[in-house]
């Protein structure tokens, strides 16, 4: 069993105890977001750092109110 540390932009997202380490280019799902594995760095026999890039969440802009209507 190996401890896998998922890291994005120097922020640790998730730690998992796994039997198999993901390979470079694999598609993964972390916290409901899709991402790809960029790099796998073994630290020692039991720890591996996996650098990932998650997809960007697009924020929806709320439409502006129409202030042309008169209030009574």
PDB file of N, CA and C in Angstrom:
ATOM      1  N   UNK A   1       0.840  -1.177   0.000  1.00  0.00           N
ATOM      2  CA  UNK A   1       0.000   0.000   0.000  1.00  0.00           C
ATOM      3  C   UNK A   1       0.894   1.253   0.000  1.00  0.00           C
ATOM      4  N   UNK A   2       0.497   2.220  -0.808  1.00  0.00           N
ATOM      5  CA  UNK A   2       1.288   3.433  -0.991  1.00  0.00           C
ATOM      6  C   UNK A   2       0.408   4.641  -0.696  1.00  0.00           C
ATOM      7  N   UNK A   3       0.969   5.641  -0.014  1.00  0.00           N
ATOM      8  CA  UNK A   3       0.252   6.885   0.256  1.00  0.00           C
ATOM      9  C   UNK A   3       0.474   7.807  -0.942  1.00  0.00           C
ATOM     10  N   UNK A   4      -0.625   8.228  -1.585  1.00  0.00           N
ATOM     11  CA  UNK A   4      -0.557   9.082  -2.767  1.00  0.00           C
ATOM     12  C   UNK A   4      -1.059  10.467  -2.373  1.00  0.00           C
ATOM     13  N   UNK A   5      -0.222  11.490  -2.582  1.00  0.00           N
ATOM     14  CA  UNK A   5      -0.572  12.878  -2.297  1.00  0.00           C
ATOM     15  C   UNK A   5      -0.873  13.567  -3.625  1.00  0.00           C
ATOM     16  N   UNK A   6      -2.124  14.024  -3.821  1.00  0.00           N
ATOM     17  CA  UNK A   6      -2.503  14.748  -5.034  1.00  0.00           C
ATOM     18  C   UNK A   6      -2.280  16.236  -4.791  1.00  0.00           C
ATOM     19  N   UNK A   7      -1.497  16.887  -5.664  1.00  0.00           N
ATOM     20  CA  UNK A   7      -1.102  18.280  -5.481  1.00  0.00           C
ATOM     21  C   UNK A   7      -1.439  19.062  -6.745  1.00  0.00           C
ATOM     22  N   UNK A   8      -2.041  20.262  -6.557  1.00  0.00           N
ATOM     23  CA  UNK A   8      -2.288  21.184  -7.664  1.00  0.00           C
ATOM     24  C   UNK A   8      -1.833  22.571  -7.238  1.00  0.00           C
ATOM     25  N   UNK A   9      -0.928  23.177  -7.976  1.00  0.00           N
ATOM     26  CA  UNK A   9      -0.421  24.527  -7.713  1.00  0.00           C
ATOM     27  C   UNK A   9       0.065  24.667  -6.273  1.00  0.00           C
ATOM     28  N   UNK A  10       0.881  23.738  -5.814  1.00  0.00           N
ATOM     29  CA  UNK A  10       1.464  23.714  -4.469  1.00  0.00           C
ATOM     30  C   UNK A  10       0.416  23.636  -3.355  1.00  0.00           C
ATOM     31  N   UNK A  11      -0.785  23.164  -3.670  1.00  0.00           N
ATOM     32  CA  UNK A  11      -1.844  22.950  -2.683  1.00  0.00           C
ATOM     33  C   UNK A  11      -2.187  21.465  -2.693  1.00  0.00           C
ATOM     34  N   UNK A  12      -2.104  20.851  -1.529  1.00  0.00           N
ATOM     35  CA  UNK A  12      -2.407  19.430  -1.426  1.00  0.00           C
ATOM     36  C   UNK A  12      -3.920  19.249  -1.401  1.00  0.00           C
ATOM     37  N   UNK A  13      -4.450  18.538  -2.384  1.00  0.00           N
ATOM     38  CA  UNK A  13      -5.889  18.356  -2.518  1.00  0.00           C
ATOM     39  C   UNK A  13      -6.402  17.136  -1.779  1.00  0.00           C
ATOM     40  N   UNK A  14      -5.645  16.042  -1.842  1.00  0.00           N
ATOM     41  CA  UNK A  14      -6.168  14.773  -1.345  1.00  0.00           C
ATOM     42  C   UNK A  14      -5.017  13.827  -1.039  1.00  0.00           C
ATOM     43  N   UNK A  15      -5.171  13.026   0.015  1.00  0.00           N
ATOM     44  CA  UNK A  15      -4.251  11.931   0.338  1.00  0.00           C
ATOM     45  C   UNK A  15      -5.045  10.641   0.264  1.00  0.00           C
ATOM     46  N   UNK A  16      -4.469   9.636  -0.402  1.00  0.00           N
ATOM     47  CA  UNK A  16      -5.140   8.344  -0.499  1.00  0.00           C
ATOM     48  C   UNK A  16      -4.139   7.230  -0.274  1.00  0.00           C
ATOM     49  N   UNK A  17      -4.614   6.158   0.316  1.00  0.00           N
ATOM     50  CA  UNK A  17      -3.830   4.947   0.493  1.00  0.00           C
ATOM     51  C   UNK A  17      -4.256   3.986  -0.617  1.00  0.00           C
ATOM     52  N   UNK A  18      -3.381   3.783  -1.610  1.00  0.00           N
ATOM     53  CA  UNK A  18      -3.732   3.008  -2.794  1.00  0.00           C
ATOM     54  C   UNK A  18      -2.763   1.852  -3.003  1.00  0.00           C
ATOM     55  N   UNK A  19      -3.228   0.841  -3.746  1.00  0.00           N
ATOM     56  CA  UNK A  19      -2.353  -0.245  -4.161  1.00  0.00           C
ATOM     57  C   UNK A  19      -1.648   0.099  -5.467  1.00  0.00           C
ATOM     58  N   UNK A  20      -2.336   0.814  -6.372  1.00  0.00           N
ATOM     59  CA  UNK A  20      -1.772   1.173  -7.669  1.00  0.00           C
ATOM     60  C   UNK A  20      -1.650   2.690  -7.770  1.00  0.00           C
ATOM     61  N   UNK A  21      -0.501   3.162  -8.239  1.00  0.00           N
ATOM     62  CA  UNK A  21      -0.252   4.594  -8.412  1.00  0.00           C
ATOM     63  C   UNK A  21      -0.724   4.997  -9.816  1.00  0.00           C
ATOM     64  N   UNK A  22      -1.427   6.140  -9.972  1.00  0.00           N
ATOM     65  CA  UNK A  22      -1.849   6.564 -11.313  1.00  0.00           C
ATOM     66  C   UNK A  22      -0.643   6.930 -12.177  1.00  0.00           C
ATOM     67  N   UNK A  23      -0.795   6.748 -13.481  1.00  0.00           N
ATOM     68  CA  UNK A  23       0.269   7.055 -14.435  1.00  0.00           C
ATOM     69  C   UNK A  23       0.075   8.459 -15.008  1.00  0.00           C
ATOM     70  N   UNK A  24       1.118   8.984 -15.640  1.00  0.00           N
ATOM     71  CA  UNK A  24       1.031  10.295 -16.273  1.00  0.00           C
ATOM     72  C   UNK A  24       0.026  10.236 -17.415  1.00  0.00           C
ATOM     73  N   UNK A  25      -0.824  11.255 -17.505  1.00  0.00           N
ATOM     74  CA  UNK A  25      -1.827  11.318 -18.561  1.00  0.00           C
ATOM     75  C   UNK A  25      -3.150  10.691 -18.199  1.00  0.00           C
ATOM     76  N   UNK A  26      -3.247  10.021 -17.052  1.00  0.00           N
ATOM     77  CA  UNK A  26      -4.512   9.416 -16.635  1.00  0.00           C
ATOM     78  C   UNK A  26      -5.525  10.493 -16.273  1.00  0.00           C
ATOM     79  N   UNK A  27      -6.794  10.196 -16.515  1.00  0.00           N
ATOM     80  CA  UNK A  27      -7.889  11.091 -16.127  1.00  0.00           C
ATOM     81  C   UNK A  27      -8.375  10.663 -14.751  1.00  0.00           C
ATOM     82  N   UNK A  28      -8.468  11.624 -13.821  1.00  0.00           N
ATOM     83  CA  UNK A  28      -8.904  11.323 -12.460  1.00  0.00           C
ATOM     84  C   UNK A  28     -10.030  12.270 -12.068  1.00  0.00           C
ATOM     85  N   UNK A  29     -10.774  11.901 -11.035  1.00  0.00           N
ATOM     86  CA  UNK A  29     -11.841  12.732 -10.486  1.00  0.00           C
ATOM     87  C   UNK A  29     -11.521  12.986  -9.013  1.00  0.00           C
ATOM     88  N   UNK A  30     -11.359  14.266  -8.653  1.00  0.00           N
ATOM     89  CA  UNK A  30     -11.098  14.655  -7.271  1.00  0.00           C
ATOM     90  C   UNK A  30     -12.119  15.718  -6.891  1.00  0.00           C
ATOM     91  N   UNK A  31     -12.849  15.463  -5.823  1.00  0.00           N
ATOM     92  CA  UNK A  31     -13.848  16.385  -5.304  1.00  0.00           C
ATOM     93  C   UNK A  31     -14.862  16.793  -6.378  1.00  0.00           C
ATOM     94  N   UNK A  32     -15.257  15.854  -7.227  1.00  0.00           N
ATOM     95  CA  UNK A  32     -16.255  16.110  -8.244  1.00  0.00           C
ATOM     96  C   UNK A  32     -15.751  16.862  -9.455  1.00  0.00           C
ATOM     97  N   UNK A  33     -14.457  17.031  -9.572  1.00  0.00           N
ATOM     98  CA  UNK A  33     -13.878  17.745 -10.712  1.00  0.00           C
ATOM     99  C   UNK A  33     -12.966  16.807 -11.488  1.00  0.00           C
ATOM    100  N   UNK A  34     -13.012  16.916 -12.829  1.00  0.00           N
ATOM    101  CA  UNK A  34     -12.148  16.100 -13.665  1.00  0.00           C
ATOM    102  C   UNK A  34     -10.771  16.732 -13.752  1.00  0.00           C
ATOM    103  N   UNK A  35      -9.757  15.898 -13.856  1.00  0.00           N
ATOM    104  CA  UNK A  35      -8.402  16.402 -13.980  1.00  0.00           C
ATOM    105  C   UNK A  35      -7.507  15.382 -14.641  1.00  0.00           C
ATOM    106  N   UNK A  36      -6.299  15.805 -14.977  1.00  0.00           N
ATOM    107  CA  UNK A  36      -5.324  14.915 -15.588  1.00  0.00           C
ATOM    108  C   UNK A  36      -4.043  14.909 -14.758  1.00  0.00           C
ATOM    109  N   UNK A  37      -3.360  13.800 -14.775  1.00  0.00           N
ATOM    110  CA  UNK A  37      -2.105  13.655 -14.048  1.00  0.00           C
ATOM    111  C   UNK A  37      -0.983  14.207 -14.926  1.00  0.00           C
ATOM    112  N   UNK A  38      -0.252  15.197 -14.401  1.00  0.00           N
ATOM    113  CA  UNK A  38       0.852  15.791 -15.143  1.00  0.00           C
ATOM    114  C   UNK A  38       2.177  15.107 -14.844  1.00  0.00           C
ATOM    115  N   UNK A  39       2.405  14.779 -13.567  1.00  0.00           N
ATOM    116  CA  UNK A  39       3.712  14.267 -13.162  1.00  0.00           C
ATOM    117  C   UNK A  39       3.541  13.372 -11.941  1.00  0.00           C
ATOM    118  N   UNK A  40       4.383  12.339 -11.830  1.00  0.00           N
ATOM    119  CA  UNK A  40       4.380  11.439 -10.675  1.00  0.00           C
ATOM    120  C   UNK A  40       5.787  11.450 -10.096  1.00  0.00           C
ATOM    121  N   UNK A  41       5.916  11.901  -8.821  1.00  0.00           N
ATOM    122  CA  UNK A  41       7.219  11.996  -8.154  1.00  0.00           C
ATOM    123  C   UNK A  41       7.255  11.066  -6.948  1.00  0.00           C
ATOM    124  N   UNK A  42       8.007   9.970  -7.019  1.00  0.00           N
ATOM    125  CA  UNK A  42       8.127   9.118  -5.828  1.00  0.00           C
ATOM    126  C   UNK A  42       9.034   9.779  -4.787  1.00  0.00           C
ATOM    127  N   UNK A  43       8.548   9.888  -3.544  1.00  0.00           N
ATOM    128  CA  UNK A  43       9.319  10.498  -2.458  1.00  0.00           C
ATOM    129  C   UNK A  43      10.192   9.436  -1.796  1.00  0.00           C
ATOM    130  N   UNK A  44       9.564   8.355  -1.384  1.00  0.00           N
ATOM    131  CA  UNK A  44      10.302   7.198  -0.854  1.00  0.00           C
ATOM    132  C   UNK A  44       9.476   5.946  -1.159  1.00  0.00           C
ATOM    133  N   UNK A  45       9.725   4.845  -0.443  1.00  0.00           N
ATOM    134  CA  UNK A  45       9.054   3.584  -0.754  1.00  0.00           C
ATOM    135  C   UNK A  45       7.544   3.637  -0.543  1.00  0.00           C
ATOM    136  N   UNK A  46       7.087   4.476   0.391  1.00  0.00           N
ATOM    137  CA  UNK A  46       5.671   4.470   0.743  1.00  0.00           C
ATOM    138  C   UNK A  46       4.925   5.749   0.379  1.00  0.00           C
ATOM    139  N   UNK A  47       5.593   6.768  -0.135  1.00  0.00           N
ATOM    140  CA  UNK A  47       4.945   8.039  -0.454  1.00  0.00           C
ATOM    141  C   UNK A  47       5.225   8.437  -1.898  1.00  0.00           C
ATOM    142  N   UNK A  48       4.167   8.942  -2.563  1.00  0.00           N
ATOM    143  CA  UNK A  48       4.277   9.396  -3.954  1.00  0.00           C
ATOM    144  C   UNK A  48       3.520  10.714  -4.077  1.00  0.00           C
ATOM    145  N   UNK A  49       4.144  11.724  -4.689  1.00  0.00           N
ATOM    146  CA  UNK A  49       3.471  12.980  -4.996  1.00  0.00           C
ATOM    147  C   UNK A  49       3.000  12.934  -6.434  1.00  0.00           C
ATOM    148  N   UNK A  50       1.708  13.223  -6.650  1.00  0.00           N
ATOM    149  CA  UNK A  50       1.125  13.233  -7.981  1.00  0.00           C
ATOM    150  C   UNK A  50       0.675  14.661  -8.276  1.00  0.00           C
ATOM    151  N   UNK A  51       1.272  15.276  -9.298  1.00  0.00           N
ATOM    152  CA  UNK A  51       0.914  16.636  -9.695  1.00  0.00           C
ATOM    153  C   UNK A  51      -0.238  16.539 -10.681  1.00  0.00           C
ATOM    154  N   UNK A  52      -1.346  17.228 -10.386  1.00  0.00           N
ATOM    155  CA  UNK A  52      -2.539  17.169 -11.238  1.00  0.00           C
ATOM    156  C   UNK A  52      -2.938  18.564 -11.694  1.00  0.00           C
ATOM    157  N   UNK A  53      -3.716  18.608 -12.765  1.00  0.00           N
ATOM    158  CA  UNK A  53      -4.302  19.854 -13.252  1.00  0.00           C
ATOM    159  C   UNK A  53      -5.794  19.606 -13.396  1.00  0.00           C
ATOM    160  N   UNK A  54      -6.597  20.311 -12.601  1.00  0.00           N
ATOM    161  CA  UNK A  54      -8.043  20.155 -12.640  1.00  0.00           C
ATOM    162  C   UNK A  54      -8.643  21.140 -13.623  1.00  0.00           C
ATOM    163  N   UNK A  55      -9.826  20.776 -14.150  1.00  0.00           N
ATOM    164  CA  UNK A  55     -10.491  21.671 -15.097  1.00  0.00           C
ATOM    165  C   UNK A  55     -10.981  22.925 -14.372  1.00  0.00           C
ATOM    166  N   UNK A  56     -11.054  24.018 -15.099  1.00  0.00           N
ATOM    167  CA  UNK A  56     -11.459  25.294 -14.531  1.00  0.00           C
ATOM    168  C   UNK A  56     -12.976  25.341 -14.443  1.00  0.00           C
ATOM    169  N   UNK A  57     -13.483  25.779 -13.296  1.00  0.00           N
ATOM    170  CA  UNK A  57     -14.926  25.922 -13.107  1.00  0.00           C
ATOM    171  C   UNK A  57     -15.342  27.266 -13.671  1.00  0.00           C
ATOM    172  N   UNK A  58     -16.292  27.244 -14.611  1.00  0.00           N
ATOM    173  CA  UNK A  58     -16.770  28.482 -15.208  1.00  0.00           C
ATOM    174  C   UNK A  58     -17.911  29.027 -14.361  1.00  0.00           C
ATOM    175  N   UNK A  59     -17.769  30.284 -13.928  1.00  0.00           N
ATOM    176  CA  UNK A  59     -18.802  30.902 -13.119  1.00  0.00           C
ATOM    177  C   UNK A  59     -19.817  31.573 -14.038  1.00  0.00           C
ATOM    178  N   UNK A  60     -21.105  31.404 -13.724  1.00  0.00           N
ATOM    179  CA  UNK A  60     -22.179  31.956 -14.542  1.00  0.00           C
ATOM    180  C   UNK A  60     -22.480  33.370 -14.055  1.00  0.00           C
ATOM    181  N   UNK A  61     -22.479  34.321 -14.979  1.00  0.00           N
ATOM    182  CA  UNK A  61     -22.800  35.701 -14.643  1.00  0.00           C
ATOM    183  C   UNK A  61     -24.315  35.858 -14.550  1.00  0.00           C
ATOM    184  N   UNK A  62     -24.772  36.526 -13.516  1.00  0.00           N
ATOM    185  CA  UNK A  62     -26.194  36.796 -13.351  1.00  0.00           C
ATOM    186  C   UNK A  62     -26.544  37.996 -14.215  1.00  0.00           C
ATOM    187  N   UNK A  63     -27.651  37.880 -14.940  1.00  0.00           N
ATOM    188  CA  UNK A  63     -28.054  38.970 -15.818  1.00  0.00           C
ATOM    189  C   UNK A  63     -28.423  40.204 -14.999  1.00  0.00           C
ATOM    190  N   UNK A  64     -28.076  41.371 -15.515  1.00  0.00           N
ATOM    191  CA  UNK A  64     -28.371  42.625 -14.825  1.00  0.00           C
ATOM    192  C   UNK A  64     -29.874  42.888 -14.868  1.00  0.00           C
ATOM    193  N   UNK A  65     -30.396  43.530 -13.814  1.00  0.00           N
ATOM    194  CA  UNK A  65     -31.809  43.863 -13.765  1.00  0.00           C
ATOM    195  C   UNK A  65     -32.124  44.959 -14.774  1.00  0.00           C
ATOM    196  N   UNK A  66     -33.341  44.925 -15.284  1.00  0.00           N
ATOM    197  CA  UNK A  66     -33.799  45.952 -16.205  1.00  0.00           C
ATOM    198  C   UNK A  66     -34.422  47.069 -15.371  1.00  0.00           C
ATOM    199  N   UNK A  67     -33.694  48.169 -15.199  1.00  0.00           N
ATOM    200  CA  UNK A  67     -34.164  49.288 -14.362  1.00  0.00           C
ATOM    201  C   UNK A  67     -35.013  50.274 -15.129  1.00  0.00           C
ATOM    202  N   UNK A  68     -35.402  49.969 -16.336  1.00  0.00           N
ATOM    203  CA  UNK A  68     -36.198  50.897 -17.144  1.00  0.00           C
ATOM    204  C   UNK A  68     -37.653  50.936 -16.707  1.00  0.00           C
ATOM    205  N   UNK A  69     -38.106  49.937 -16.010  1.00  0.00           N
ATOM    206  CA  UNK A  69     -39.505  49.909 -15.576  1.00  0.00           C
ATOM    207  C   UNK A  69     -39.686  50.845 -14.390  1.00  0.00           C
ATOM    208  N   UNK A  70     -40.804  51.527 -14.367  1.00  0.00           N
ATOM    209  CA  UNK A  70     -41.110  52.451 -13.286  1.00  0.00           C
ATOM    210  C   UNK A  70     -41.724  51.706 -12.106  1.00  0.00           C
ATOM    211  N   UNK A  71     -41.383  52.162 -10.944  1.00  0.00           N
ATOM    212  CA  UNK A  71     -41.993  51.614  -9.741  1.00  0.00           C
ATOM    213  C   UNK A  71     -43.086  52.567  -9.284  1.00  0.00           C
ATOM    214  N   UNK A  72     -44.154  52.027  -8.782  1.00  0.00           N
ATOM    215  CA  UNK A  72     -45.263  52.864  -8.299  1.00  0.00           C
ATOM    216  C   UNK A  72     -45.423  52.719  -6.820  1.00  0.00           C
TER     217      UNK A  72
END
